[in-house]
């Protein structure tokens, strides 16, 4: 299958590279043209626009930051909608609202094309390694058709249900990640304040039912004060806003998540948006220092 890839940021660049390594004929496009160059060096072809890419391929993948970005790439001038062929598939791997996924599916159906929402669990490292977990919403036969493409980027594919289900499951997953990060950051602060070496906290977590690879990456990074971005804090804040919107639509109360959302919003406003979402620890440290 010929594959198009639109959006070559931190995640998209690595995911597209794995598709090229797997041997898929690849056509790529990015709003910032310089990000296309590493893919050209491994044999990919540069597309002139999202519409041009969609017209050239069997499966077109979008991987951008925000719902409005994917809508612009798909539905805007010279977007995917203008170029996609009957029988082709649009796979949106961005983190968006379930309602956005359903809108995109409707646009594709009008063009006699198919659609999957397929956001991913994992950040920069798993994207490079091709070990992402891919959460899919859409028809089983469409997923079967696209499975070889998805397997080039991920280690596990979870079929969540109909269109929009992948997006909903992704937001629920990121909800837990945001809580985990905020909780761990506060636990480290409490440990330090009580005069205990924070490394002892990691030792306890690793030796108990809490054990998780997450603590060996994010936990160790926090103790080293390394907040280089793998998943930017501003994007987690964006996802928390999406969670709030979905919760209001389905009449579900998320009081703890709302507190976490406000915490991340404060951290972004303080200038930490471009750092990794683990920089919530730095924000909490700053606010604790000011409070004292």
Protein backbone atom coordinates (compact mmCIF):
# COMPACT_ATOMS: atom_id res chain seq x y z
CA UNK A 1 0.00 0.00 0.00
CA UNK A 2 1.07 3.55 -0.71
CA UNK A 3 0.95 5.64 2.46
CA UNK A 4 0.73 9.39 2.97
CA UNK A 5 1.80 11.03 6.23
CA UNK A 6 0.72 14.54 7.19
CA UNK A 7 2.30 16.12 10.28
CA UNK A 8 5.98 15.56 11.03
CA UNK A 9 6.38 16.83 14.57
CA UNK A 10 8.10 15.00 17.41
CA UNK A 11 5.82 11.96 17.07
CA UNK A 12 4.98 12.09 13.37
CA UNK A 13 8.59 12.29 12.24
CA UNK A 14 9.47 9.06 14.06
CA UNK A 15 6.29 7.26 13.01
CA UNK A 16 6.76 8.16 9.35
CA UNK A 17 10.39 7.04 9.55
CA UNK A 18 9.26 3.60 10.76
CA UNK A 19 6.84 3.34 7.83
CA UNK A 20 9.69 4.12 5.45
CA UNK A 21 11.91 1.52 7.14
CA UNK A 22 9.11 -1.04 6.79
CA UNK A 23 9.17 -0.51 3.02
CA UNK A 24 5.92 1.37 2.45
CA UNK A 25 6.04 3.79 -0.50
CA UNK A 26 5.66 7.07 1.38
CA UNK A 27 4.46 10.56 0.45
CA UNK A 28 4.85 13.16 3.21
CA UNK A 29 3.78 16.74 3.91
CA UNK A 30 4.30 19.15 6.77
CA UNK A 31 3.34 22.78 7.25
CA UNK A 32 7.01 23.55 8.03
CA UNK A 33 8.71 22.19 4.92
CA UNK A 34 12.16 21.64 6.49
CA UNK A 35 10.77 18.78 8.60
CA UNK A 36 10.19 16.80 5.41
CA UNK A 37 13.91 16.57 4.61
CA UNK A 38 14.88 13.60 6.87
CA UNK A 39 12.12 11.53 5.23
CA UNK A 40 13.30 12.45 1.74
CA UNK A 41 16.73 11.07 2.63
CA UNK A 42 15.21 7.62 3.26
CA UNK A 43 13.25 7.57 0.01
CA UNK A 44 9.97 9.33 0.77
CA UNK A 45 8.40 11.70 -1.73
CA UNK A 46 7.37 15.24 -0.80
CA UNK A 47 3.72 16.15 -1.29
CA UNK A 48 2.73 19.65 -2.39
CA UNK A 49 -0.35 19.78 -0.16
CA UNK A 50 -2.61 17.48 1.89
CA UNK A 51 -4.87 17.15 -1.17
CA UNK A 52 -1.92 16.17 -3.36
CA UNK A 53 -0.75 13.56 -0.85
CA UNK A 54 -4.25 12.09 -0.51
CA UNK A 55 -4.56 11.76 -4.28
CA UNK A 56 -1.31 9.79 -4.47
CA UNK A 57 -1.87 7.15 -1.79
CA UNK A 58 -4.13 4.35 -0.54
CA UNK A 59 -3.90 5.27 3.15
CA UNK A 60 -3.36 8.83 4.38
CA UNK A 61 -2.36 9.42 8.01
CA UNK A 62 -2.79 12.68 9.90
CA UNK A 63 -0.76 13.30 13.07
CA UNK A 64 -1.14 16.90 14.26
CA UNK A 65 -1.49 18.63 17.62
CA UNK A 66 -5.03 19.96 17.94
CA UNK A 67 -8.57 19.26 16.69
CA UNK A 68 -8.59 22.52 14.74
CA UNK A 69 -5.31 21.53 13.07
CA UNK A 70 -6.63 18.20 11.81
CA UNK A 71 -9.86 19.83 10.65
CA UNK A 72 -7.81 22.39 8.71
CA UNK A 73 -5.61 19.69 7.15
CA UNK A 74 -8.61 17.56 6.18
CA UNK A 75 -11.39 20.04 5.49
CA UNK A 76 -9.54 23.27 4.71
CA UNK A 77 -8.47 24.60 1.31
CA UNK A 78 -6.41 22.01 -0.59
CA UNK A 79 -7.08 19.57 2.26
CA UNK A 80 -7.35 15.79 2.28
CA UNK A 81 -11.05 15.98 1.43
CA UNK A 82 -10.23 17.66 -1.88
CA UNK A 83 -7.84 14.94 -3.01
CA UNK A 84 -8.84 11.62 -1.46
CA UNK A 85 -9.93 8.88 -3.85
CA UNK A 86 -12.91 6.53 -3.46
CA UNK A 87 -11.82 3.41 -1.61
CA UNK A 88 -8.92 5.11 0.18
CA UNK A 89 -8.64 5.39 3.96
CA UNK A 90 -7.98 8.38 6.21
CA UNK A 91 -6.38 7.36 9.51
CA UNK A 92 -6.31 10.21 12.03
CA UNK A 93 -3.74 9.48 14.74
CA UNK A 94 -4.08 12.87 16.45
CA UNK A 95 -5.58 13.27 19.92
CA UNK A 96 -8.95 14.92 19.27
CA UNK A 97 -12.56 14.90 20.45
CA UNK A 98 -14.67 11.85 19.54
CA UNK A 99 -17.02 14.33 17.85
CA UNK A 100 -14.14 15.50 15.62
CA UNK A 101 -13.50 11.90 14.59
CA UNK A 102 -17.16 11.39 13.71
CA UNK A 103 -17.16 14.60 11.64
CA UNK A 104 -14.08 13.46 9.72
CA UNK A 105 -15.64 10.03 9.13
CA UNK A 106 -18.70 11.72 7.65
CA UNK A 107 -16.52 13.80 5.32
CA UNK A 108 -14.76 10.65 4.11
CA UNK A 109 -18.03 8.76 3.61
CA UNK A 110 -19.20 11.59 1.34
CA UNK A 111 -16.09 10.92 -0.78
CA UNK A 112 -16.67 7.13 -0.73
CA UNK A 113 -13.56 6.75 1.40
CA UNK A 114 -13.11 5.06 4.80
CA UNK A 115 -11.94 6.38 8.16
CA UNK A 116 -10.25 5.25 11.37
CA UNK A 117 -9.45 7.28 14.46
CA UNK A 118 -6.23 5.76 15.77
CA UNK A 119 -4.53 7.89 18.47
CA UNK A 120 -1.51 6.43 20.22
CA UNK A 121 -0.30 5.75 23.75
CA UNK A 122 3.41 6.47 24.09
CA UNK A 123 5.64 9.48 23.55
CA UNK A 124 8.89 10.19 21.72
CA UNK A 125 10.79 7.04 22.76
CA UNK A 126 8.11 4.48 21.80
CA UNK A 127 7.45 6.43 18.58
CA UNK A 128 11.11 6.05 17.60
CA UNK A 129 11.18 2.39 18.65
CA UNK A 130 7.90 1.53 16.90
CA UNK A 131 6.38 0.30 20.18
CA UNK A 132 3.35 2.58 20.45
CA UNK A 133 -0.04 1.24 21.57
CA UNK A 134 -2.61 2.25 18.94
CA UNK A 135 -6.24 2.79 19.94
CA UNK A 136 -8.60 2.38 17.01
CA UNK A 137 -12.19 3.40 16.35
CA UNK A 138 -13.87 2.32 13.13
CA UNK A 139 -15.12 -0.64 11.12
CA UNK A 140 -13.32 -3.98 11.71
CA UNK A 141 -12.78 -4.49 7.97
CA UNK A 142 -11.15 -1.08 7.65
CA UNK A 143 -8.87 -1.89 10.57
CA UNK A 144 -7.96 -5.25 9.03
CA UNK A 145 -7.00 -3.51 5.83
CA UNK A 146 -4.82 -0.96 7.65
CA UNK A 147 -3.26 -3.33 10.19
CA UNK A 148 0.05 -3.82 8.28
CA UNK A 149 0.52 -0.04 8.24
CA UNK A 150 -0.30 0.35 11.93
CA UNK A 151 1.96 -2.55 12.91
CA UNK A 152 4.92 -0.70 11.40
CA UNK A 153 4.42 1.97 14.08
CA UNK A 154 3.12 0.10 17.12
CA UNK A 155 3.48 -3.04 19.19
CA UNK A 156 -0.20 -3.39 20.07
CA UNK A 157 -3.47 -2.43 18.39
CA UNK A 158 -6.61 -2.09 20.51
CA UNK A 159 -9.90 -1.95 18.61
CA UNK A 160 -11.95 0.26 20.92
CA UNK A 161 -15.21 0.20 18.93
CA UNK A 162 -16.94 2.42 16.40
CA UNK A 163 -15.61 5.72 15.06
CA UNK A 164 -14.79 8.03 17.98
CA UNK A 165 -14.10 5.20 20.43
CA UNK A 166 -10.35 5.35 19.86
CA UNK A 167 -10.34 9.07 20.58
CA UNK A 168 -12.43 8.61 23.74
CA UNK A 169 -10.15 5.84 25.02
CA UNK A 170 -7.07 7.98 24.34
CA UNK A 171 -8.47 10.86 26.40
CA UNK A 172 -9.27 8.47 29.25
CA UNK A 173 -5.71 7.14 29.11
CA UNK A 174 -4.20 10.62 29.18
CA UNK A 175 -6.51 11.49 32.08
CA UNK A 176 -4.80 8.78 34.10
CA UNK A 177 -1.34 9.93 32.97
CA UNK A 178 -2.04 13.50 34.07
CA UNK A 179 -3.24 12.29 37.48
CA UNK A 180 -0.22 10.01 37.82
CA UNK A 181 2.21 12.80 37.02
CA UNK A 182 0.59 15.28 39.39
CA UNK A 183 0.38 12.69 42.17
CA UNK A 184 3.97 11.54 41.77
CA UNK A 185 5.22 15.13 41.72
CA UNK A 186 3.41 15.88 44.97
CA UNK A 187 4.71 12.66 46.55
CA UNK A 188 8.30 13.65 45.70
CA UNK A 189 7.73 17.11 47.20
CA UNK A 190 6.29 15.60 50.37
CA UNK A 191 9.17 13.13 50.63
CA UNK A 192 11.75 15.89 50.23
CA UNK A 193 9.97 18.12 52.71
CA UNK A 194 10.02 15.35 55.29
CA UNK A 195 13.78 14.99 54.90
CA UNK A 196 13.73 11.67 53.04
CA UNK A 197 15.81 11.13 49.90
CA UNK A 198 13.32 10.99 46.93
CA UNK A 199 15.19 8.05 45.43
CA UNK A 200 13.80 6.03 48.35
CA UNK A 201 10.31 6.69 47.00
CA UNK A 202 11.28 5.14 43.66
CA UNK A 203 12.79 2.20 45.53
CA UNK A 204 9.48 1.58 47.30
CA UNK A 205 7.47 1.90 44.09
CA UNK A 206 9.76 -0.50 42.23
CA UNK A 207 9.53 -3.08 45.00
CA UNK A 208 5.75 -3.03 45.33
CA UNK A 209 2.57 -3.46 43.28
CA UNK A 210 3.14 0.09 42.02
CA UNK A 211 6.03 -1.12 39.88
CA UNK A 212 5.92 0.35 36.37
CA UNK A 213 8.36 1.29 33.58
CA UNK A 214 6.81 4.76 33.83
CA UNK A 215 8.63 5.41 37.09
CA UNK A 216 11.95 4.39 35.56
CA UNK A 217 11.56 6.99 32.83
CA UNK A 218 9.49 9.86 34.17
CA UNK A 219 10.40 9.31 37.81
CA UNK A 220 14.14 9.23 37.22
CA UNK A 221 13.84 12.22 34.88
CA UNK A 222 12.08 14.24 37.57
CA UNK A 223 14.74 13.43 40.16
CA UNK A 224 17.39 14.58 37.67
CA UNK A 225 15.35 17.73 36.89
CA UNK A 226 15.38 16.70 33.22
CA UNK A 227 12.27 18.16 31.59
CA UNK A 228 13.33 17.85 27.95
CA UNK A 229 10.11 17.39 25.95
CA UNK A 230 8.86 13.96 25.01
CA UNK A 231 5.22 14.96 25.46
CA UNK A 232 4.90 18.72 25.87
CA UNK A 233 3.08 20.07 28.91
CA UNK A 234 1.01 22.35 26.67
CA UNK A 235 -0.33 19.30 24.82
CA UNK A 236 -1.33 17.56 28.04
CA UNK A 237 -3.09 20.77 29.06
CA UNK A 238 -4.88 20.74 25.69
CA UNK A 239 -5.96 17.13 26.25
CA UNK A 240 -7.28 17.99 29.72
CA UNK A 241 -9.42 20.69 28.11
CA UNK A 242 -10.76 18.07 25.68
CA UNK A 243 -11.55 15.74 28.59
CA UNK A 244 -13.54 18.52 30.24
CA UNK A 245 -15.49 19.08 27.03
CA UNK A 246 -16.31 15.39 26.58
CA UNK A 247 -17.31 15.03 30.24
CA UNK A 248 -19.74 17.92 29.87
CA UNK A 249 -21.21 16.37 26.72
CA UNK A 250 -21.80 12.97 28.33
CA UNK A 251 -22.84 14.40 31.73
CA UNK A 252 -19.98 12.87 33.72
CA UNK A 253 -18.41 14.70 36.66
CA UNK A 254 -14.59 14.78 36.81
CA UNK A 255 -13.81 16.84 39.93
CA UNK A 256 -10.28 15.50 40.48
CA UNK A 257 -9.43 15.91 36.80
CA UNK A 258 -10.68 19.50 36.93
CA UNK A 259 -8.21 20.26 39.72
CA UNK A 260 -5.42 18.65 37.70
CA UNK A 261 -6.50 20.58 34.59
CA UNK A 262 -6.25 23.87 36.43
CA UNK A 263 -2.81 22.89 37.75
CA UNK A 264 -1.53 22.20 34.22
CA UNK A 265 -3.08 25.44 32.96
CA UNK A 266 -1.20 27.36 35.68
CA UNK A 267 2.05 25.59 34.76
CA UNK A 268 1.63 26.50 31.09
CA UNK A 269 0.83 30.10 31.99
CA UNK A 270 4.06 30.23 34.03
CA UNK A 271 6.08 29.50 30.87
CA UNK A 272 6.54 25.73 31.10
CA UNK A 273 4.33 24.75 28.15
CA UNK A 274 7.18 23.72 25.84
CA UNK A 275 8.79 21.47 28.47
CA UNK A 276 7.80 17.87 29.09
CA UNK A 277 4.59 17.39 31.07
CA UNK A 278 6.79 16.17 33.94
CA UNK A 279 7.65 19.87 34.40
CA UNK A 280 4.49 19.99 36.51
CA UNK A 281 6.96 19.02 39.26
CA UNK A 282 9.00 22.19 38.59
CA UNK A 283 5.80 24.24 38.74
CA UNK A 284 4.78 22.68 42.05
CA UNK A 285 8.29 23.26 43.39
CA UNK A 286 8.10 26.91 42.39
CA UNK A 287 4.68 27.44 43.94
CA UNK A 288 5.74 25.63 47.15
CA UNK A 289 8.81 27.86 47.40
CA UNK A 290 6.72 31.00 46.92
CA UNK A 291 4.17 29.79 49.46
CA UNK A 292 6.87 29.30 52.06
